[in-house]
Amino acid sequence: MSGDLRTASDRATEHPKAGTERPSADRVRGAGRRTVGEPTPISEDTRVAIEIRELVQRGEMDEARERFGELVTHHQRRAARIAYQYLRDTSEADEAVQDAFVKVFSHIGTYREAWPFEVWFTRILINGCLDRRKARARRDRWFVQSDISAADEARVSASATVPSDPEHTLLARERRARVAAAVDRLDGRQRTVFMLSQYGDCTPKEISAMTGLNESTVRVHLFRAARKLRVLLGGAQ
């Protein structure tokens, strides 16, 4: 089966229709689920996105771009972290993030506040990353990225305090490489759910909206992913 977060028009902006089929293991489906009668408060990001949409509709592009800069600033770091985990290449992750921001701004007129902006943006970002992975696989089907460059290491560790002890740094680098390799061995949905939770800082409810899975199913995938990672990394079940 196939399916993704993208729309019928641009495969990135149209909201999914009910009854669409489940995605493949590596593709996040675009059907979010909300409980009937349960009000969803509008986040600050969503409010700003609505204002940008209205500015664009009025043709006030300069102000719209200025306001959009606020969203870029707020989501840039988190987006880079997610993109890197999918692509494992700093430059390509940066390009994927920028492409996602460009696509979001270009299609802001289609944005509907029923989707929190963070969910909408993350869906577009992940689809872009998956497309890049497919394109890279087509270029060299048997290429496997197993080394993490110094630049990548610095990027991943940017938000952490890095010890000056070279041995400690090397061990930490090797451990991150082992964890990354283990995550790649998770089943498709387990991997997607785990990465959104651990690297995207998404709650089970947010992951449910992004993937179309029930929140309880998301929690099951998280539990199974954590259990499998402990086995792959040499821990107890």
Protein backbone atom coordinates (compact mmCIF):
# COMPACT_ATOMS: atom_id res chain seq x y z
CA MET A 1 0.00 0.00 0.00
CA SER A 2 1.12 3.54 -0.53
CA GLY A 3 0.23 6.94 0.91
CA ASP A 4 1.87 10.04 2.29
CA LEU A 5 1.39 13.40 3.90
CA ARG A 6 1.28 15.20 0.58
CA THR A 7 -1.75 16.60 -1.16
CA ALA A 8 -3.41 15.79 -4.44
CA SER A 9 -2.52 19.21 -5.86
CA ASP A 10 1.05 19.59 -4.65
CA ARG A 11 1.10 16.43 -2.50
CA ALA A 12 2.08 18.69 0.33
CA THR A 13 -0.73 21.04 1.20
CA GLU A 14 -4.18 19.54 0.62
CA HIS A 15 -5.75 18.03 3.69
CA PRO A 16 -6.39 14.29 3.47
CA LYS A 17 -9.80 12.85 2.72
CA ALA A 18 -11.55 10.31 4.86
CA GLY A 19 -11.22 6.73 3.74
CA THR A 20 -7.77 7.00 2.20
CA GLU A 21 -5.64 3.89 2.55
CA ARG A 22 -2.94 3.35 5.12
CA PRO A 23 0.61 4.35 4.19
CA SER A 24 3.59 2.22 3.51
CA ALA A 25 5.83 1.56 6.49
CA ASP A 26 8.17 4.46 5.71
CA ARG A 27 5.52 7.00 4.75
CA VAL A 28 3.51 9.05 7.20
CA ARG A 29 -0.15 9.15 6.29
CA GLY A 30 -2.00 12.45 6.14
CA ALA A 31 -5.22 11.67 7.96
CA GLY A 32 -5.34 13.19 11.42
CA ARG A 33 -8.05 12.25 13.86
CA ARG A 34 -9.84 14.49 16.31
CA THR A 35 -12.35 13.58 18.96
CA VAL A 36 -15.79 14.93 18.13
CA GLY A 37 -16.83 17.67 20.51
CA GLU A 38 -13.33 18.09 21.91
CA PRO A 39 -12.23 21.71 21.42
CA THR A 40 -8.66 22.18 20.30
CA PRO A 41 -7.09 25.44 21.48
CA ILE A 42 -5.28 27.37 18.79
CA SER A 43 -1.55 27.58 19.42
CA GLU A 44 0.44 30.76 18.99
CA ASP A 45 2.10 29.33 15.87
CA THR A 46 -1.30 28.53 14.40
CA ARG A 47 -2.52 32.05 15.13
CA VAL A 48 0.55 33.54 13.42
CA ALA A 49 0.06 31.22 10.41
CA ILE A 50 -3.54 32.41 10.08
CA GLU A 51 -2.38 36.03 10.17
CA ILE A 52 0.23 35.30 7.48
CA ARG A 53 -2.40 33.62 5.32
CA GLU A 54 -4.63 36.68 5.60
CA LEU A 55 -1.73 39.03 4.80
CA VAL A 56 -0.92 37.00 1.69
CA GLN A 57 -4.55 37.02 0.63
CA ARG A 58 -4.54 40.83 0.93
CA GLY A 59 -1.33 41.04 -1.08
CA GLU A 60 0.73 42.40 1.84
CA MET A 61 3.70 40.18 1.02
CA ASP A 62 6.46 42.13 2.79
CA GLU A 63 4.66 41.99 6.11
CA ALA A 64 3.71 38.35 5.48
CA ARG A 65 7.38 37.42 4.96
CA GLU A 66 8.38 39.30 8.09
CA ARG A 67 5.78 37.46 10.15
CA PHE A 68 6.78 34.15 8.59
CA GLY A 69 10.31 34.76 9.84
CA GLU A 70 8.94 34.29 13.36
CA LEU A 71 7.78 30.79 12.49
CA VAL A 72 11.10 29.98 10.85
CA THR A 73 13.00 31.11 13.94
CA HIS A 74 10.78 29.08 16.22
CA HIS A 75 10.88 25.84 14.22
CA GLN A 76 14.33 25.93 12.58
CA ARG A 77 16.23 23.98 15.23
CA ARG A 78 13.60 21.33 15.75
CA ALA A 79 13.17 20.93 11.99
CA ALA A 80 16.92 20.52 11.52
CA ARG A 81 17.00 17.83 14.18
CA ILE A 82 14.18 15.88 12.52
CA ALA A 83 15.64 16.25 9.02
CA TYR A 84 19.07 15.12 10.16
CA GLN A 85 17.68 11.95 11.70
CA TYR A 86 16.04 11.07 8.39
CA LEU A 87 18.92 12.05 6.11
CA ARG A 88 22.04 11.71 8.29
CA ASP A 89 23.73 14.43 6.29
CA THR A 90 24.00 17.99 7.57
CA SER A 91 23.96 19.78 4.23
CA GLU A 92 21.09 17.74 2.86
CA ALA A 93 19.13 18.18 6.09
CA ASP A 94 19.61 21.97 5.87
CA GLU A 95 18.35 21.93 2.29
CA ALA A 96 15.33 19.83 3.26
CA VAL A 97 14.42 22.27 6.03
CA GLN A 98 14.73 25.27 3.75
CA ASP A 99 12.69 23.54 1.05
CA ALA A 100 9.98 22.80 3.62
CA PHE A 101 9.82 26.43 4.73
CA VAL A 102 9.64 27.62 1.13
CA LYS A 103 6.87 25.14 0.35
CA VAL A 104 4.92 26.13 3.45
CA PHE A 105 5.08 29.84 2.64
CA SER A 106 4.24 29.22 -1.00
CA HIS A 107 1.11 27.30 -0.01
CA ILE A 108 0.12 29.23 3.11
CA GLY A 109 -3.10 30.18 1.34
CA THR A 110 -4.26 26.55 1.60
CA TYR A 111 -3.55 26.32 5.33
CA ARG A 112 -6.54 25.56 7.53
CA GLU A 113 -6.38 26.05 11.27
CA ALA A 114 -8.08 22.70 11.91
CA TRP A 115 -4.51 21.44 11.58
CA PRO A 116 -2.07 22.90 14.13
CA PHE A 117 0.67 24.65 12.19
CA GLU A 118 3.37 22.45 13.76
CA VAL A 119 1.61 19.32 12.51
CA TRP A 120 1.12 20.72 9.01
CA PHE A 121 4.73 21.89 8.74
CA THR A 122 6.17 18.65 10.13
CA ARG A 123 4.18 16.55 7.67
CA ILE A 124 5.56 18.57 4.77
CA LEU A 125 9.11 18.38 6.16
CA ILE A 126 9.01 14.61 6.65
CA ASN A 127 7.65 13.99 3.18
CA GLY A 128 10.44 16.12 1.74
CA CYS A 129 13.01 14.11 3.68
CA LEU A 130 11.51 10.81 2.50
CA ASP A 131 11.56 12.01 -1.10
CA ARG A 132 15.22 12.95 -0.73
CA ARG A 133 16.02 9.52 0.68
CA LYS A 134 14.30 7.86 -2.25
CA ALA A 135 16.17 10.06 -4.72
CA ARG A 136 19.46 9.27 -3.00
CA ALA A 137 18.68 5.56 -3.11
CA ARG A 138 17.96 5.80 -6.83
CA ARG A 139 21.32 7.51 -7.39
CA ASP A 140 23.18 4.78 -5.62
CA ARG A 141 21.02 1.89 -4.51
CA TRP A 142 23.70 0.14 -2.54
CA PHE A 143 25.20 3.16 -0.81
CA VAL A 144 24.99 3.03 2.97
CA GLN A 145 25.97 6.06 5.03
CA SER A 146 27.73 4.61 8.05
CA ASP A 147 30.16 7.37 8.98
CA ILE A 148 29.23 10.55 10.78
CA SER A 149 31.42 13.47 9.78
CA ALA A 150 32.84 15.99 12.21
CA ALA A 151 30.48 18.60 10.83
CA ASP A 152 27.50 16.32 11.39
CA GLU A 153 28.71 15.55 14.89
CA ALA A 154 28.92 19.25 15.70
CA ARG A 155 25.44 19.86 14.34
CA VAL A 156 23.80 17.04 16.25
CA SER A 157 25.54 18.08 19.47
CA ALA A 158 24.98 21.82 19.03
CA SER A 159 22.45 22.03 21.82
CA ALA A 160 24.45 19.89 24.24
CA THR A 161 27.50 20.55 26.36
CA VAL A 162 30.35 18.60 24.75
CA PRO A 163 33.09 17.44 27.14
CA SER A 164 36.62 18.40 26.22
CA ASP A 165 37.90 14.88 26.95
CA PRO A 166 38.70 13.37 23.49
CA GLU A 167 38.05 9.82 24.71
CA HIS A 168 34.65 10.79 26.11
CA THR A 169 33.79 12.59 22.88
CA LEU A 170 34.79 9.57 20.78
CA LEU A 171 32.75 7.20 22.93
CA ALA A 172 29.73 9.50 22.74
CA ARG A 173 30.11 9.70 18.97
CA GLU A 174 30.30 5.93 18.65
CA ARG A 175 27.25 5.50 20.84
CA ARG A 176 25.23 7.94 18.72
CA ALA A 177 26.27 6.03 15.62
CA ARG A 178 25.12 2.75 17.20
CA VAL A 179 21.79 4.27 18.23
CA ALA A 180 21.27 5.69 14.72
CA ALA A 181 21.99 2.31 13.15
CA ALA A 182 19.59 0.62 15.57
CA VAL A 183 16.82 3.14 14.84
CA ASP A 184 17.24 2.42 11.12
CA ARG A 185 16.47 -1.24 11.84
CA LEU A 186 13.08 -0.50 13.39
CA ASP A 187 9.96 -1.34 11.41
CA GLY A 188 8.68 1.57 9.33
CA ARG A 189 5.90 2.83 11.57
CA GLN A 190 7.87 2.17 14.74
CA ARG A 191 10.76 4.18 13.32
CA THR A 192 8.54 7.08 12.26
CA VAL A 193 6.75 7.22 15.62
CA PHE A 194 9.99 6.91 17.58
CA MET A 195 11.75 9.63 15.57
CA LEU A 196 8.83 12.05 15.88
CA SER A 197 8.77 11.42 19.63
CA GLN A 198 12.49 11.50 20.37
CA TYR A 199 13.83 13.92 17.76
CA GLY A 200 10.71 15.94 16.96
CA ASP A 201 9.60 16.36 20.59
CA CYS A 202 6.07 15.39 19.54
CA THR A 203 3.49 14.07 21.99
CA PRO A 204 1.54 10.88 21.21
CA LYS A 205 -1.48 13.06 20.43
CA GLU A 206 0.52 15.13 17.92
CA ILE A 207 1.99 11.98 16.36
CA SER A 208 -1.52 10.61 16.05
CA ALA A 209 -2.56 13.72 14.10
CA MET A 210 0.47 13.43 11.81
CA THR A 211 0.23 9.72 11.10
CA GLY A 212 -3.47 8.95 11.25
CA LEU A 213 -2.83 6.27 13.86
CA ASN A 214 -4.92 6.08 17.02
CA GLU A 215 -3.16 7.62 19.99
CA SER A 216 -3.22 4.25 21.76
CA THR A 217 -1.58 2.66 18.70
CA VAL A 218 1.11 5.34 18.75
CA ARG A 219 1.88 4.46 22.37
CA VAL A 220 2.11 0.77 21.48
CA HIS A 221 4.55 1.55 18.66
CA LEU A 222 6.65 3.67 21.03
CA PHE A 223 6.74 0.89 23.59
CA ARG A 224 7.70 -1.74 21.00
CA ALA A 225 10.32 0.54 19.45
CA ALA A 226 11.95 1.16 22.83
CA ARG A 227 11.92 -2.57 23.62
CA LYS A 228 13.47 -3.48 20.27
CA LEU A 229 16.13 -0.78 20.60
CA ARG A 230 17.15 -2.16 24.00
CA VAL A 231 17.63 -5.57 22.38
CA LEU A 232 19.53 -4.16 19.39
CA LEU A 233 21.77 -2.12 21.68
CA GLY A 234 22.51 -5.09 23.92
CA GLY A 235 20.10 -4.42 26.77
CA ALA A 236 17.47 -6.59 28.32
CA GLN A 237 13.98 -6.83 26.88
